[in-house]
Amino acid sequence: MAIQIERKGIEVNWFAIAVTAFVLIFIGATTYFLFFTQQPLIQTIAPIDKSVDELVNQVRVDKDSIVNNPVFSKLDSHNIPLPDAGILGRPNPFAPI
């Protein structure tokens, strides 16, 4: 009479291996594209529209005509005082409590 001991097969967790492989490939690809590839440069420079600059430079503002305007004088001033913030925090935040 012989005693036979069957060796139990080792079960492989394929899901864990697949997730680990995916994470490692993702980290490797991200590292490669962020640090080792050449970044594309701007191919063309946007043209500068100088006509707008010239128009803005031609505008002259007369302070008296604005201040003496009846529409400007009808505007109300809403000066709301800001609330006092009080004492915020401690004088020395690194001091022990």
Protein backbone atom coordinates (compact mmCIF):
# COMPACT_ATOMS: atom_id res chain seq x y z
CA MET A 1 0.00 0.00 0.00
CA ALA A 2 1.57 3.21 -1.17
CA ILE A 3 0.72 6.64 0.08
CA GLN A 4 0.26 9.10 -2.68
CA ILE A 5 0.35 12.79 -1.94
CA GLU A 6 -0.86 14.94 -4.71
CA ARG A 7 0.75 18.27 -4.99
CA LYS A 8 -1.78 21.02 -5.08
CA GLY A 9 -1.40 23.21 -8.16
CA ILE A 10 -0.43 26.83 -7.63
CA GLU A 11 -3.23 29.13 -8.63
CA VAL A 12 -2.20 32.26 -10.47
CA ASN A 13 -4.13 35.46 -9.98
CA TRP A 14 -4.22 36.67 -13.60
CA PHE A 15 -6.24 39.78 -12.79
CA ALA A 16 -3.61 41.07 -10.37
CA ILE A 17 -0.85 40.37 -12.89
CA ALA A 18 -2.77 42.17 -15.66
CA VAL A 19 -3.49 45.23 -13.49
CA THR A 20 0.14 45.39 -12.34
CA ALA A 21 1.39 45.11 -15.92
CA PHE A 22 -1.00 47.81 -17.09
CA VAL A 23 0.08 50.18 -14.32
CA LEU A 24 3.78 49.58 -15.03
CA ILE A 25 3.30 50.09 -18.78
CA PHE A 26 1.28 53.27 -18.13
CA ILE A 27 3.95 54.69 -15.80
CA GLY A 28 6.70 53.79 -18.25
CA ALA A 29 4.91 55.34 -21.23
CA THR A 30 4.09 58.49 -19.28
CA THR A 31 7.69 58.85 -18.12
CA TYR A 32 8.96 58.34 -21.66
CA PHE A 33 6.63 60.89 -23.24
CA LEU A 34 7.12 63.48 -20.49
CA PHE A 35 10.90 63.34 -20.14
CA PHE A 36 12.51 61.69 -23.16
CA THR A 37 10.63 62.89 -26.24
CA GLN A 38 11.22 66.23 -27.90
CA GLN A 39 8.42 68.68 -27.31
CA PRO A 40 6.82 70.19 -30.40
CA LEU A 41 7.54 73.87 -30.89
CA ILE A 42 5.20 76.50 -32.25
CA GLN A 43 5.23 76.13 -36.01
CA THR A 44 3.95 79.58 -36.95
CA ILE A 45 3.90 82.91 -35.19
CA ALA A 46 0.55 84.63 -35.02
CA PRO A 47 0.52 87.86 -36.99
CA ILE A 48 0.29 91.05 -34.99
CA ASP A 49 -2.65 93.28 -35.87
CA LYS A 50 -1.19 96.77 -35.58
CA SER A 51 -4.35 98.51 -36.73
CA VAL A 52 -5.96 97.98 -33.31
CA ASP A 53 -2.89 99.43 -31.58
CA GLU A 54 -2.98 102.46 -33.85
CA LEU A 55 -6.66 103.01 -33.12
CA VAL A 56 -6.10 102.80 -29.37
CA ASN A 57 -3.20 105.22 -29.58
CA GLN A 58 -5.37 107.75 -31.42
CA VAL A 59 -8.01 107.83 -28.68
CA ARG A 60 -7.77 110.97 -26.56
CA VAL A 61 -9.65 111.15 -23.27
CA ASP A 62 -10.64 114.50 -21.84
CA LYS A 63 -11.08 114.23 -18.11
CA ASP A 64 -13.22 117.35 -17.79
CA SER A 65 -15.73 116.18 -20.37
CA ILE A 66 -16.24 112.94 -18.43
CA VAL A 67 -16.44 114.46 -14.96
CA ASN A 68 -18.78 117.28 -16.05
CA ASN A 69 -21.07 114.93 -17.97
CA PRO A 70 -24.62 114.89 -16.47
CA VAL A 71 -24.82 111.09 -16.79
CA PHE A 72 -21.63 110.75 -14.77
CA SER A 73 -22.91 113.13 -12.11
CA LYS A 74 -26.09 111.01 -11.68
CA LEU A 75 -24.07 107.94 -10.69
CA ASP A 76 -24.30 106.97 -7.02
CA SER A 77 -21.28 106.12 -4.93
CA HIS A 78 -21.83 103.01 -2.86
CA ASN A 79 -19.00 103.06 -0.37
CA ILE A 80 -19.56 100.06 1.85
CA PRO A 81 -17.19 99.82 4.79
CA LEU A 82 -15.34 96.53 4.96
CA PRO A 83 -15.94 94.47 8.10
CA ASP A 84 -13.10 94.24 10.55
CA ALA A 85 -11.34 90.90 10.19
CA GLY A 86 -10.32 90.81 13.83
CA ILE A 87 -7.40 88.74 15.01
CA LEU A 88 -6.71 85.83 12.70
CA GLY A 89 -4.66 82.92 13.95
CA ARG A 90 -2.02 82.96 16.61
CA PRO A 91 0.91 85.40 16.84
CA ASN A 92 3.35 82.50 16.49
CA PRO A 93 1.82 79.58 14.62
CA PHE A 94 4.81 77.35 15.37
CA ALA A 95 4.57 77.72 19.15
CA PRO A 96 3.28 74.62 20.95
CA ILE A 97 -0.35 74.65 21.96
